[in-house]
């Protein structure tokens, strides 16, 4: 499998893990340096993000991945994932979002991991 497909799979695995509330899968795809920047500007570390998914602060129910262009430079990459997501976050009601995550990744030991994600709508 080429790097572009591996990166797209990493993005998809992150969503699958968020929907399943699967800590070990999230630990696997997110680098220890991971930071999520929410639409509000709030930042969460890897541990804060995983805990928010697991405790129900961030609830994801489905994701249809519509667009996932990838740019690779050596052992770093950026994927701009655009997904139609059903979620309920921070106590709000369940609704559908056109959620874009601009994810930065790094490759170490032949494995891609997400280091940063900046969320917005599209």
PDB file of N, CA and C in Angstrom:
ATOM      1  N   UNK A   1       0.851  -1.181   0.000  1.00  0.00           N
ATOM      2  CA  UNK A   1       0.000   0.000   0.000  1.00  0.00           C
ATOM      3  C   UNK A   1       0.893   1.240   0.000  1.00  0.00           C
ATOM      4  N   UNK A   2       0.565   2.224  -0.850  1.00  0.00           N
ATOM      5  CA  UNK A   2       1.402   3.422  -0.906  1.00  0.00           C
ATOM      6  C   UNK A   2       1.082   4.372   0.253  1.00  0.00           C
ATOM      7  N   UNK A   3       1.946   5.365   0.453  1.00  0.00           N
ATOM      8  CA  UNK A   3       1.801   6.269   1.587  1.00  0.00           C
ATOM      9  C   UNK A   3       0.487   7.048   1.560  1.00  0.00           C
ATOM     10  N   UNK A   4       0.036   7.463   0.382  1.00  0.00           N
ATOM     11  CA  UNK A   4      -1.216   8.207   0.317  1.00  0.00           C
ATOM     12  C   UNK A   4      -2.376   7.370   0.872  1.00  0.00           C
ATOM     13  N   UNK A   5      -2.447   6.120   0.488  1.00  0.00           N
ATOM     14  CA  UNK A   5      -3.501   5.241   1.001  1.00  0.00           C
ATOM     15  C   UNK A   5      -3.333   4.967   2.495  1.00  0.00           C
ATOM     16  N   UNK A   6      -2.102   4.814   2.945  1.00  0.00           N
ATOM     17  CA  UNK A   6      -1.855   4.600   4.374  1.00  0.00           C
ATOM     18  C   UNK A   6      -2.321   5.802   5.197  1.00  0.00           C
ATOM     19  N   UNK A   7      -2.084   6.999   4.688  1.00  0.00           N
ATOM     20  CA  UNK A   7      -2.495   8.223   5.382  1.00  0.00           C
ATOM     21  C   UNK A   7      -4.019   8.333   5.402  1.00  0.00           C
ATOM     22  N   UNK A   8      -4.646   8.053   4.272  1.00  0.00           N
ATOM     23  CA  UNK A   8      -6.109   8.074   4.228  1.00  0.00           C
ATOM     24  C   UNK A   8      -6.697   7.030   5.176  1.00  0.00           C
ATOM     25  N   UNK A   9      -6.075   5.868   5.254  1.00  0.00           N
ATOM     26  CA  UNK A   9      -6.532   4.836   6.189  1.00  0.00           C
ATOM     27  C   UNK A   9      -6.362   5.284   7.636  1.00  0.00           C
ATOM     28  N   UNK A  10      -5.285   5.979   7.925  1.00  0.00           N
ATOM     29  CA  UNK A  10      -5.055   6.498   9.278  1.00  0.00           C
ATOM     30  C   UNK A  10      -6.189   7.453   9.666  1.00  0.00           C
ATOM     31  N   UNK A  11      -6.567   8.335   8.748  1.00  0.00           N
ATOM     32  CA  UNK A  11      -7.674   9.270   8.969  1.00  0.00           C
ATOM     33  C   UNK A  11      -8.976   8.506   9.219  1.00  0.00           C
ATOM     34  N   UNK A  12      -9.257   7.525   8.381  1.00  0.00           N
ATOM     35  CA  UNK A  12     -10.478   6.727   8.540  1.00  0.00           C
ATOM     36  C   UNK A  12     -10.468   5.944   9.852  1.00  0.00           C
ATOM     37  N   UNK A  13      -9.298   5.409  10.220  1.00  0.00           N
ATOM     38  CA  UNK A  13      -9.183   4.657  11.480  1.00  0.00           C
ATOM     39  C   UNK A  13      -9.434   5.561  12.671  1.00  0.00           C
ATOM     40  N   UNK A  14      -8.999   6.824  12.591  1.00  0.00           N
ATOM     41  CA  UNK A  14      -9.265   7.762  13.681  1.00  0.00           C
ATOM     42  C   UNK A  14     -10.772   7.906  13.870  1.00  0.00           C
ATOM     43  N   UNK A  15     -11.505   8.082  12.781  1.00  0.00           N
ATOM     44  CA  UNK A  15     -12.961   8.224  12.885  1.00  0.00           C
ATOM     45  C   UNK A  15     -13.609   6.945  13.395  1.00  0.00           C
ATOM     46  N   UNK A  16     -13.196   5.809  12.882  1.00  0.00           N
ATOM     47  CA  UNK A  16     -13.758   4.541  13.357  1.00  0.00           C
ATOM     48  C   UNK A  16     -13.549   4.394  14.854  1.00  0.00           C
ATOM     49  N   UNK A  17     -12.380   4.771  15.338  1.00  0.00           N
ATOM     50  CA  UNK A  17     -12.064   4.678  16.762  1.00  0.00           C
ATOM     51  C   UNK A  17     -12.884   5.675  17.576  1.00  0.00           C
ATOM     52  N   UNK A  18     -13.109   6.876  17.025  1.00  0.00           N
ATOM     53  CA  UNK A  18     -13.933   7.862  17.717  1.00  0.00           C
ATOM     54  C   UNK A  18     -15.367   7.357  17.847  1.00  0.00           C
ATOM     55  N   UNK A  19     -15.894   6.771  16.785  1.00  0.00           N
ATOM     56  CA  UNK A  19     -17.266   6.251  16.807  1.00  0.00           C
ATOM     57  C   UNK A  19     -17.380   5.081  17.786  1.00  0.00           C
ATOM     58  N   UNK A  20     -16.382   4.206  17.778  1.00  0.00           N
ATOM     59  CA  UNK A  20     -16.407   3.023  18.649  1.00  0.00           C
ATOM     60  C   UNK A  20     -15.966   3.320  20.085  1.00  0.00           C
ATOM     61  N   UNK A  21     -15.476   4.537  20.331  1.00  0.00           N
ATOM     62  CA  UNK A  21     -14.903   4.900  21.636  1.00  0.00           C
ATOM     63  C   UNK A  21     -13.810   3.895  22.022  1.00  0.00           C
ATOM     64  N   UNK A  22     -12.922   3.663  21.087  1.00  0.00           N
ATOM     65  CA  UNK A  22     -11.858   2.658  21.213  1.00  0.00           C
ATOM     66  C   UNK A  22     -10.537   3.333  21.572  1.00  0.00           C
ATOM     67  N   UNK A  23     -10.226   3.320  22.874  1.00  0.00           N
ATOM     68  CA  UNK A  23      -9.012   3.981  23.353  1.00  0.00           C
ATOM     69  C   UNK A  23      -7.755   3.444  22.677  1.00  0.00           C
ATOM     70  N   UNK A  24      -7.606   2.141  22.600  1.00  0.00           N
ATOM     71  CA  UNK A  24      -6.359   1.580  22.066  1.00  0.00           C
ATOM     72  C   UNK A  24      -6.179   1.951  20.593  1.00  0.00           C
ATOM     73  N   UNK A  25      -7.258   1.983  19.819  1.00  0.00           N
ATOM     74  CA  UNK A  25      -7.145   2.378  18.413  1.00  0.00           C
ATOM     75  C   UNK A  25      -6.776   3.855  18.293  1.00  0.00           C
ATOM     76  N   UNK A  26      -7.352   4.708  19.142  1.00  0.00           N
ATOM     77  CA  UNK A  26      -6.975   6.123  19.128  1.00  0.00           C
ATOM     78  C   UNK A  26      -5.517   6.305  19.536  1.00  0.00           C
ATOM     79  N   UNK A  27      -5.096   5.563  20.545  1.00  0.00           N
ATOM     80  CA  UNK A  27      -3.690   5.622  20.968  1.00  0.00           C
ATOM     81  C   UNK A  27      -2.758   5.250  19.812  1.00  0.00           C
ATOM     82  N   UNK A  28      -3.206   4.326  18.975  1.00  0.00           N
ATOM     83  CA  UNK A  28      -2.392   3.830  17.872  1.00  0.00           C
ATOM     84  C   UNK A  28      -2.254   4.850  16.745  1.00  0.00           C
ATOM     85  N   UNK A  29      -3.325   5.553  16.383  1.00  0.00           N
ATOM     86  CA  UNK A  29      -3.268   6.465  15.228  1.00  0.00           C
ATOM     87  C   UNK A  29      -2.831   7.876  15.587  1.00  0.00           C
ATOM     88  N   UNK A  30      -2.960   8.249  16.865  1.00  0.00           N
ATOM     89  CA  UNK A  30      -2.568   9.592  17.294  1.00  0.00           C
ATOM     90  C   UNK A  30      -1.180   9.561  17.920  1.00  0.00           C
ATOM     91  N   UNK A  31      -0.320  10.442  17.454  1.00  0.00           N
ATOM     92  CA  UNK A  31       1.015  10.563  18.021  1.00  0.00           C
ATOM     93  C   UNK A  31       0.915  11.126  19.443  1.00  0.00           C
ATOM     94  N   UNK A  32       1.906  10.850  20.265  1.00  0.00           N
ATOM     95  CA  UNK A  32       1.890  11.372  21.637  1.00  0.00           C
ATOM     96  C   UNK A  32       1.875  12.901  21.669  1.00  0.00           C
ATOM     97  N   UNK A  33       2.376  13.536  20.606  1.00  0.00           N
ATOM     98  CA  UNK A  33       2.396  14.999  20.537  1.00  0.00           C
ATOM     99  C   UNK A  33       1.075  15.587  20.010  1.00  0.00           C
ATOM    100  N   UNK A  34       0.093  14.736  19.725  1.00  0.00           N
ATOM    101  CA  UNK A  34      -1.155  15.169  19.088  1.00  0.00           C
ATOM    102  C   UNK A  34      -1.826  16.315  19.823  1.00  0.00           C
ATOM    103  N   UNK A  35      -2.318  17.276  19.027  1.00  0.00           N
ATOM    104  CA  UNK A  35      -3.136  18.380  19.528  1.00  0.00           C
ATOM    105  C   UNK A  35      -4.308  18.544  18.571  1.00  0.00           C
ATOM    106  N   UNK A  36      -5.518  18.653  19.144  1.00  0.00           N
ATOM    107  CA  UNK A  36      -6.710  18.959  18.363  1.00  0.00           C
ATOM    108  C   UNK A  36      -7.079  20.408  18.624  1.00  0.00           C
ATOM    109  N   UNK A  37      -7.245  21.169  17.548  1.00  0.00           N
ATOM    110  CA  UNK A  37      -7.710  22.548  17.652  1.00  0.00           C
ATOM    111  C   UNK A  37      -9.162  22.562  17.173  1.00  0.00           C
ATOM    112  N   UNK A  38     -10.079  22.795  18.109  1.00  0.00           N
ATOM    113  CA  UNK A  38     -11.512  22.812  17.800  1.00  0.00           C
ATOM    114  C   UNK A  38     -11.878  24.087  17.031  1.00  0.00           C
ATOM    115  N   UNK A  39     -13.066  24.099  16.473  1.00  0.00           N
ATOM    116  CA  UNK A  39     -13.560  25.271  15.744  1.00  0.00           C
ATOM    117  C   UNK A  39     -13.569  26.523  16.614  1.00  0.00           C
ATOM    118  N   UNK A  40     -13.739  26.330  17.900  1.00  0.00           N
ATOM    119  CA  UNK A  40     -13.775  27.458  18.844  1.00  0.00           C
ATOM    120  C   UNK A  40     -12.380  27.988  19.175  1.00  0.00           C
ATOM    121  N   UNK A  41     -11.348  27.263  18.753  1.00  0.00           N
ATOM    122  CA  UNK A  41      -9.981  27.619  19.111  1.00  0.00           C
ATOM    123  C   UNK A  41      -9.468  26.842  20.315  1.00  0.00           C
ATOM    124  N   UNK A  42     -10.376  26.152  21.017  1.00  0.00           N
ATOM    125  CA  UNK A  42      -9.959  25.344  22.159  1.00  0.00           C
ATOM    126  C   UNK A  42      -8.998  24.252  21.682  1.00  0.00           C
ATOM    127  N   UNK A  43      -7.989  23.996  22.477  1.00  0.00           N
ATOM    128  CA  UNK A  43      -6.997  22.969  22.151  1.00  0.00           C
ATOM    129  C   UNK A  43      -7.085  21.830  23.150  1.00  0.00           C
ATOM    130  N   UNK A  44      -6.936  20.611  22.626  1.00  0.00           N
ATOM    131  CA  UNK A  44      -6.902  19.434  23.490  1.00  0.00           C
ATOM    132  C   UNK A  44      -5.681  18.605  23.132  1.00  0.00           C
ATOM    133  N   UNK A  45      -4.997  18.137  24.161  1.00  0.00           N
ATOM    134  CA  UNK A  45      -3.885  17.199  23.974  1.00  0.00           C
ATOM    135  C   UNK A  45      -4.462  15.833  23.615  1.00  0.00           C
ATOM    136  N   UNK A  46      -3.590  14.925  23.274  1.00  0.00           N
ATOM    137  CA  UNK A  46      -4.019  13.562  22.949  1.00  0.00           C
ATOM    138  C   UNK A  46      -4.844  12.976  24.089  1.00  0.00           C
ATOM    139  N   UNK A  47      -4.339  13.034  25.307  1.00  0.00           N
ATOM    140  CA  UNK A  47      -5.049  12.449  26.447  1.00  0.00           C
ATOM    141  C   UNK A  47      -6.386  13.146  26.694  1.00  0.00           C
ATOM    142  N   UNK A  48      -6.400  14.481  26.608  1.00  0.00           N
ATOM    143  CA  UNK A  48      -7.644  15.211  26.827  1.00  0.00           C
ATOM    144  C   UNK A  48      -8.683  14.846  25.771  1.00  0.00           C
ATOM    145  N   UNK A  49      -8.249  14.744  24.517  1.00  0.00           N
ATOM    146  CA  UNK A  49      -9.159  14.390  23.439  1.00  0.00           C
ATOM    147  C   UNK A  49      -9.712  12.979  23.629  1.00  0.00           C
ATOM    148  N   UNK A  50      -8.839  12.016  23.865  1.00  0.00           N
ATOM    149  CA  UNK A  50      -9.298  10.624  24.040  1.00  0.00           C
ATOM    150  C   UNK A  50     -10.255  10.532  25.220  1.00  0.00           C
ATOM    151  N   UNK A  51      -9.925  11.181  26.322  1.00  0.00           N
ATOM    152  CA  UNK A  51     -10.809  11.150  27.491  1.00  0.00           C
ATOM    153  C   UNK A  51     -12.170  11.778  27.183  1.00  0.00           C
ATOM    154  N   UNK A  52     -12.194  12.856  26.388  1.00  0.00           N
ATOM    155  CA  UNK A  52     -13.453  13.510  26.030  1.00  0.00           C
ATOM    156  C   UNK A  52     -14.310  12.602  25.140  1.00  0.00           C
ATOM    157  N   UNK A  53     -13.665  11.830  24.277  1.00  0.00           N
ATOM    158  CA  UNK A  53     -14.399  10.865  23.454  1.00  0.00           C
ATOM    159  C   UNK A  53     -14.966   9.765  24.347  1.00  0.00           C
ATOM    160  N   UNK A  54     -14.152   9.261  25.240  1.00  0.00           N
ATOM    161  CA  UNK A  54     -14.577   8.131  26.076  1.00  0.00           C
ATOM    162  C   UNK A  54     -15.625   8.515  27.116  1.00  0.00           C
ATOM    163  N   UNK A  55     -15.556   9.754  27.644  1.00  0.00           N
ATOM    164  CA  UNK A  55     -16.518  10.125  28.697  1.00  0.00           C
ATOM    165  C   UNK A  55     -17.815  10.732  28.141  1.00  0.00           C
ATOM    166  N   UNK A  56     -17.922  10.810  26.806  1.00  0.00           N
ATOM    167  CA  UNK A  56     -19.161  11.298  26.210  1.00  0.00           C
ATOM    168  C   UNK A  56     -19.229  12.795  26.012  1.00  0.00           C
ATOM    169  N   UNK A  57     -18.157  13.516  26.311  1.00  0.00           N
ATOM    170  CA  UNK A  57     -18.127  14.941  26.005  1.00  0.00           C
ATOM    171  C   UNK A  57     -18.175  15.136  24.491  1.00  0.00           C
ATOM    172  N   UNK A  58     -17.482  14.252  23.773  1.00  0.00           N
ATOM    173  CA  UNK A  58     -17.479  14.237  22.309  1.00  0.00           C
ATOM    174  C   UNK A  58     -18.040  12.894  21.861  1.00  0.00           C
ATOM    175  N   UNK A  59     -19.207  12.910  21.234  1.00  0.00           N
ATOM    176  CA  UNK A  59     -19.855  11.683  20.767  1.00  0.00           C
ATOM    177  C   UNK A  59     -19.946  11.696  19.251  1.00  0.00           C
ATOM    178  N   UNK A  60     -19.400  10.687  18.631  1.00  0.00           N
ATOM    179  CA  UNK A  60     -19.445  10.544  17.175  1.00  0.00           C
ATOM    180  C   UNK A  60     -20.229   9.281  16.857  1.00  0.00           C
ATOM    181  N   UNK A  61     -21.175   9.402  15.906  1.00  0.00           N
ATOM    182  CA  UNK A  61     -22.061   8.296  15.589  1.00  0.00           C
ATOM    183  C   UNK A  61     -21.833   7.725  14.191  1.00  0.00           C
ATOM    184  N   UNK A  62     -21.438   8.568  13.262  1.00  0.00           N
ATOM    185  CA  UNK A  62     -21.188   8.102  11.895  1.00  0.00           C
ATOM    186  C   UNK A  62     -20.316   9.118  11.170  1.00  0.00           C
ATOM    187  N   UNK A  63     -19.665   8.640  10.108  1.00  0.00           N
ATOM    188  CA  UNK A  63     -18.852   9.522   9.276  1.00  0.00           C
ATOM    189  C   UNK A  63     -18.800   8.954   7.865  1.00  0.00           C
ATOM    190  N   UNK A  64     -19.143   9.801   6.909  1.00  0.00           N
ATOM    191  CA  UNK A  64     -19.011   9.463   5.497  1.00  0.00           C
ATOM    192  C   UNK A  64     -17.906  10.360   4.954  1.00  0.00           C
ATOM    193  N   UNK A  65     -16.814   9.751   4.525  1.00  0.00           N
ATOM    194  CA  UNK A  65     -15.644  10.508   4.077  1.00  0.00           C
ATOM    195  C   UNK A  65     -15.836  10.899   2.622  1.00  0.00           C
ATOM    196  N   UNK A  66     -15.935  12.209   2.389  1.00  0.00           N
ATOM    197  CA  UNK A  66     -16.253  12.720   1.067  1.00  0.00           C
ATOM    198  C   UNK A  66     -15.027  13.125   0.261  1.00  0.00           C
ATOM    199  N   UNK A  67     -13.989  13.589   0.924  1.00  0.00           N
ATOM    200  CA  UNK A  67     -12.807  14.080   0.227  1.00  0.00           C
ATOM    201  C   UNK A  67     -11.615  13.970   1.169  1.00  0.00           C
ATOM    202  N   UNK A  68     -10.496  13.453   0.666  1.00  0.00           N
ATOM    203  CA  UNK A  68      -9.322  13.258   1.519  1.00  0.00           C
ATOM    204  C   UNK A  68      -8.029  13.486   0.731  1.00  0.00           C
ATOM    205  N   UNK A  69      -7.806  14.701   0.196  1.00  0.00           N
ATOM    206  CA  UNK A  69      -6.545  14.935  -0.520  1.00  0.00           C
ATOM    207  C   UNK A  69      -5.357  14.903   0.443  1.00  0.00           C
ATOM    208  N   UNK A  70      -4.245  14.384  -0.058  1.00  0.00           N
ATOM    209  CA  UNK A  70      -3.034  14.205   0.758  1.00  0.00           C
ATOM    210  C   UNK A  70      -1.849  14.890   0.075  1.00  0.00           C
ATOM    211  N   UNK A  71      -1.041  15.566   0.867  1.00  0.00           N
ATOM    212  CA  UNK A  71       0.239  16.103   0.401  1.00  0.00           C
ATOM    213  C   UNK A  71       1.331  15.503   1.278  1.00  0.00           C
ATOM    214  N   UNK A  72       2.330  14.907   0.642  1.00  0.00           N
ATOM    215  CA  UNK A  72       3.407  14.236   1.371  1.00  0.00           C
ATOM    216  C   UNK A  72       4.727  14.929   1.058  1.00  0.00           C
ATOM    217  N   UNK A  73       5.520  15.177   2.089  1.00  0.00           N
ATOM    218  CA  UNK A  73       6.873  15.700   1.925  1.00  0.00           C
ATOM    219  C   UNK A  73       7.777  14.920   2.871  1.00  0.00           C
ATOM    220  N   UNK A  74       8.591  14.050   2.290  1.00  0.00           N
ATOM    221  CA  UNK A  74       9.498  13.196   3.058  1.00  0.00           C
ATOM    222  C   UNK A  74       8.699  12.374   4.081  1.00  0.00           C
ATOM    223  N   UNK A  75       8.978  12.580   5.370  1.00  0.00           N
ATOM    224  CA  UNK A  75       8.302  11.818   6.421  1.00  0.00           C
ATOM    225  C   UNK A  75       7.214  12.617   7.138  1.00  0.00           C
ATOM    226  N   UNK A  76       6.701  13.644   6.457  1.00  0.00           N
ATOM    227  CA  UNK A  76       5.573  14.407   6.998  1.00  0.00           C
ATOM    228  C   UNK A  76       4.499  14.497   5.921  1.00  0.00           C
ATOM    229  N   UNK A  77       3.285  14.726   6.350  1.00  0.00           N
ATOM    230  CA  UNK A  77       2.177  14.814   5.404  1.00  0.00           C
ATOM    231  C   UNK A  77       1.050  15.641   6.004  1.00  0.00           C
ATOM    232  N   UNK A  78       0.172  16.080   5.101  1.00  0.00           N
ATOM    233  CA  UNK A  78      -1.053  16.767   5.501  1.00  0.00           C
ATOM    234  C   UNK A  78      -2.191  16.133   4.721  1.00  0.00           C
ATOM    235  N   UNK A  79      -3.261  15.815   5.415  1.00  0.00           N
ATOM    236  CA  UNK A  79      -4.495  15.357   4.782  1.00  0.00           C
ATOM    237  C   UNK A  79      -5.591  16.330   5.190  1.00  0.00           C
ATOM    238  N   UNK A  80      -6.374  16.759   4.219  1.00  0.00           N
ATOM    239  CA  UNK A  80      -7.534  17.592   4.514  1.00  0.00           C
ATOM    240  C   UNK A  80      -8.749  16.705   4.317  1.00  0.00           C
ATOM    241  N   UNK A  81      -9.213  16.179   5.437  1.00  0.00           N
ATOM    242  CA  UNK A  81     -10.338  15.255   5.409  1.00  0.00           C
ATOM    243  C   UNK A  81     -11.642  16.006   5.539  1.00  0.00           C
ATOM    244  N   UNK A  82     -12.532  15.769   4.591  1.00  0.00           N
ATOM    245  CA  UNK A  82     -13.861  16.345   4.640  1.00  0.00           C
ATOM    246  C   UNK A  82     -14.850  15.199   4.777  1.00  0.00           C
ATOM    247  N   UNK A  83     -15.548  15.199   5.901  1.00  0.00           N
ATOM    248  CA  UNK A  83     -16.441  14.086   6.222  1.00  0.00           C
ATOM    249  C   UNK A  83     -17.788  14.617   6.691  1.00  0.00           C
ATOM    250  N   UNK A  84     -18.838  13.912   6.284  1.00  0.00           N
ATOM    251  CA  UNK A  84     -20.185  14.222   6.744  1.00  0.00           C
ATOM    252  C   UNK A  84     -20.407  13.399   8.005  1.00  0.00           C
ATOM    253  N   UNK A  85     -20.435  14.083   9.145  1.00  0.00           N
ATOM    254  CA  UNK A  85     -20.344  13.434  10.452  1.00  0.00           C
ATOM    255  C   UNK A  85     -21.613  13.679  11.259  1.00  0.00           C
ATOM    256  N   UNK A  86     -22.088  12.623  11.925  1.00  0.00           N
ATOM    257  CA  UNK A  86     -23.160  12.791  12.903  1.00  0.00           C
ATOM    258  C   UNK A  86     -22.505  12.770  14.273  1.00  0.00           C
ATOM    259  N   UNK A  87     -22.739  13.844  15.039  1.00  0.00           N
ATOM    260  CA  UNK A  87     -22.088  13.962  16.336  1.00  0.00           C
ATOM    261  C   UNK A  87     -22.934  14.782  17.301  1.00  0.00           C
ATOM    262  N   UNK A  88     -22.636  14.608  18.572  1.00  0.00           N
ATOM    263  CA  UNK A  88     -23.188  15.444  19.640  1.00  0.00           C
ATOM    264  C   UNK A  88     -22.003  15.793  20.534  1.00  0.00           C
ATOM    265  N   UNK A  89     -21.678  17.070  20.597  1.00  0.00           N
ATOM    266  CA  UNK A  89     -20.462  17.468  21.315  1.00  0.00           C
ATOM    267  C   UNK A  89     -20.763  18.535  22.356  1.00  0.00           C
ATOM    268  N   UNK A  90     -20.039  18.464  23.459  1.00  0.00           N
ATOM    269  CA  UNK A  90     -20.119  19.441  24.541  1.00  0.00           C
ATOM    270  C   UNK A  90     -21.550  19.686  25.003  1.00  0.00           C
ATOM    271  N   UNK A  91     -22.338  18.603  25.111  1.00  0.00           N
ATOM    272  CA  UNK A  91     -23.686  18.704  25.638  1.00  0.00           C
ATOM    273  C   UNK A  91     -24.735  19.154  24.631  1.00  0.00           C
ATOM    274  N   UNK A  92     -24.326  19.409  23.398  1.00  0.00           N
ATOM    275  CA  UNK A  92     -25.294  19.798  22.366  1.00  0.00           C
ATOM    276  C   UNK A  92     -26.025  18.579  21.835  1.00  0.00           C
ATOM    277  N   UNK A  93     -27.053  18.813  21.068  1.00  0.00           N
ATOM    278  CA  UNK A  93     -27.842  17.729  20.506  1.00  0.00           C
ATOM    279  C   UNK A  93     -27.125  17.035  19.357  1.00  0.00           C
ATOM    280  N   UNK A  94     -27.615  15.860  19.049  1.00  0.00           N
ATOM    281  CA  UNK A  94     -27.076  15.071  17.946  1.00  0.00           C
ATOM    282  C   UNK A  94     -27.458  15.755  16.636  1.00  0.00           C
ATOM    283  N   UNK A  95     -26.450  16.020  15.806  1.00  0.00           N
ATOM    284  CA  UNK A  95     -26.730  16.639  14.519  1.00  0.00           C
ATOM    285  C   UNK A  95     -25.671  16.245  13.501  1.00  0.00           C
ATOM    286  N   UNK A  96     -25.930  16.581  12.253  1.00  0.00           N
ATOM    287  CA  UNK A  96     -24.975  16.295  11.178  1.00  0.00           C
ATOM    288  C   UNK A  96     -24.121  17.525  10.903  1.00  0.00           C
ATOM    289  N   UNK A  97     -22.851  17.280  10.626  1.00  0.00           N
ATOM    290  CA  UNK A  97     -21.884  18.342  10.339  1.00  0.00           C
ATOM    291  C   UNK A  97     -21.106  17.986   9.079  1.00  0.00           C
ATOM    292  N   UNK A  98     -20.797  18.988   8.296  1.00  0.00           N
ATOM    293  CA  UNK A  98     -19.779  18.848   7.252  1.00  0.00           C
ATOM    294  C   UNK A  98     -18.484  19.249   7.945  1.00  0.00           C
ATOM    295  N   UNK A  99     -17.789  18.274   8.499  1.00  0.00           N
ATOM    296  CA  UNK A  99     -16.613  18.523   9.330  1.00  0.00           C
ATOM    297  C   UNK A  99     -15.338  18.320   8.530  1.00  0.00           C
ATOM    298  N   UNK A 100     -14.499  19.331   8.546  1.00  0.00           N
ATOM    299  CA  UNK A 100     -13.186  19.235   7.910  1.00  0.00           C
ATOM    300  C   UNK A 100     -12.127  19.172   8.997  1.00  0.00           C
ATOM    301  N   UNK A 101     -11.211  18.242   8.838  1.00  0.00           N
ATOM    302  CA  UNK A 101     -10.067  18.169   9.739  1.00  0.00           C
ATOM    303  C   UNK A 101      -8.802  18.214   8.896  1.00  0.00           C
ATOM    304  N   UNK A 102      -8.035  19.266   9.113  1.00  0.00           N
ATOM    305  CA  UNK A 102      -6.736  19.378   8.451  1.00  0.00           C
ATOM    306  C   UNK A 102      -5.728  18.734   9.401  1.00  0.00           C
ATOM    307  N   UNK A 103      -5.310  17.526   9.029  1.00  0.00           N
ATOM    308  CA  UNK A 103      -4.453  16.731   9.904  1.00  0.00           C
ATOM    309  C   UNK A 103      -3.020  16.736   9.401  1.00  0.00           C
ATOM    310  N   UNK A 104      -2.110  16.971  10.311  1.00  0.00           N
ATOM    311  CA  UNK A 104      -0.682  16.823  10.038  1.00  0.00           C
ATOM    312  C   UNK A 104      -0.261  15.459  10.557  1.00  0.00           C
ATOM    313  N   UNK A 105       0.614  14.808   9.817  1.00  0.00           N
ATOM    314  CA  UNK A 105       1.079  13.474  10.203  1.00  0.00           C
ATOM    315  C   UNK A 105       2.592  13.396  10.082  1.00  0.00           C
ATOM    316  N   UNK A 106       3.160  12.430  10.804  1.00  0.00           N
ATOM    317  CA  UNK A 106       4.575  12.115  10.645  1.00  0.00           C
ATOM    318  C   UNK A 106       4.723  10.610  10.542  1.00  0.00           C
ATOM    319  N   UNK A 107       5.773  10.219   9.840  1.00  0.00           N
ATOM    320  CA  UNK A 107       6.045   8.796   9.658  1.00  0.00           C
ATOM    321  C   UNK A 107       7.251   8.428  10.505  1.00  0.00           C
ATOM    322  N   UNK A 108       7.068   7.421  11.332  1.00  0.00           N
ATOM    323  CA  UNK A 108       8.162   6.897  12.163  1.00  0.00           C
ATOM    324  C   UNK A 108       8.021   5.387  12.191  1.00  0.00           C
ATOM    325  N   UNK A 109       9.118   4.702  12.002  1.00  0.00           N
ATOM    326  CA  UNK A 109       9.101   3.232  11.972  1.00  0.00           C
ATOM    327  C   UNK A 109       8.077   2.705  10.966  1.00  0.00           C
ATOM    328  N   UNK A 110       8.039   3.354   9.790  1.00  0.00           N
ATOM    329  CA  UNK A 110       7.139   2.968   8.692  1.00  0.00           C
ATOM    330  C   UNK A 110       5.658   3.042   9.044  1.00  0.00           C
ATOM    331  N   UNK A 111       5.300   3.848  10.039  1.00  0.00           N
ATOM    332  CA  UNK A 111       3.896   4.002  10.436  1.00  0.00           C
ATOM    333  C   UNK A 111       3.560   5.486  10.493  1.00  0.00           C
ATOM    334  N   UNK A 112       2.444   5.860   9.878  1.00  0.00           N
ATOM    335  CA  UNK A 112       1.971   7.235   9.920  1.00  0.00           C
ATOM    336  C   UNK A 112       1.118   7.456  11.166  1.00  0.00           C
ATOM    337  N   UNK A 113       1.358   8.600  11.839  1.00  0.00           N
ATOM    338  CA  UNK A 113       0.554   8.972  13.010  1.00  0.00           C
ATOM    339  C   UNK A 113       0.166  10.436  12.881  1.00  0.00           C
ATOM    340  N   UNK A 114      -1.024  10.748  13.367  1.00  0.00           N
ATOM    341  CA  UNK A 114      -1.537  12.107  13.304  1.00  0.00           C
ATOM    342  C   UNK A 114      -0.966  12.906  14.474  1.00  0.00           C
ATOM    343  N   UNK A 115      -0.365  14.058  14.161  1.00  0.00           N
ATOM    344  CA  UNK A 115       0.254  14.900  15.189  1.00  0.00           C
ATOM    345  C   UNK A 115      -0.594  16.105  15.548  1.00  0.00           C
ATOM    346  N   UNK A 116      -1.456  16.528  14.622  1.00  0.00           N
ATOM    347  CA  UNK A 116      -2.253  17.728  14.846  1.00  0.00           C
ATOM    348  C   UNK A 116      -3.490  17.664  13.960  1.00  0.00           C
ATOM    349  N   UNK A 117      -4.590  18.179  14.463  1.00  0.00           N
ATOM    350  CA  UNK A 117      -5.798  18.291  13.656  1.00  0.00           C
ATOM    351  C   UNK A 117      -6.452  19.635  13.966  1.00  0.00           C
ATOM    352  N   UNK A 118      -6.791  20.346  12.905  1.00  0.00           N
ATOM    353  CA  UNK A 118      -7.491  21.618  13.043  1.00  0.00           C
ATOM    354  C   UNK A 118      -8.880  21.438  12.426  1.00  0.00           C
ATOM    355  N   UNK A 119      -9.905  21.557  13.262  1.00  0.00           N
ATOM    356  CA  UNK A 119     -11.276  21.288  12.835  1.00  0.00           C
ATOM    357  C   UNK A 119     -11.955  22.570  12.351  1.00  0.00           C
ATOM    358  N   UNK A 120     -12.751  22.407  11.299  1.00  0.00           N
ATOM    359  CA  UNK A 120     -13.572  23.475  10.782  1.00  0.00           C
ATOM    360  C   UNK A 120     -14.743  22.844  10.035  1.00  0.00           C
ATOM    361  N   UNK A 121     -15.602  23.668   9.487  1.00  0.00           N
ATOM    362  CA  UNK A 121     -16.678  23.147   8.637  1.00  0.00           C
ATOM    363  C   UNK A 121     -16.336  23.460   7.187  1.00  0.00           C
ATOM    364  N   UNK A 122     -17.021  22.810   6.295  1.00  0.00           N
ATOM    365  CA  UNK A 122     -16.844  23.083   4.864  1.00  0.00           C
ATOM    366  C   UNK A 122     -18.185  23.136   4.172  1.00  0.00           C
TER     367      UNK A 122
END
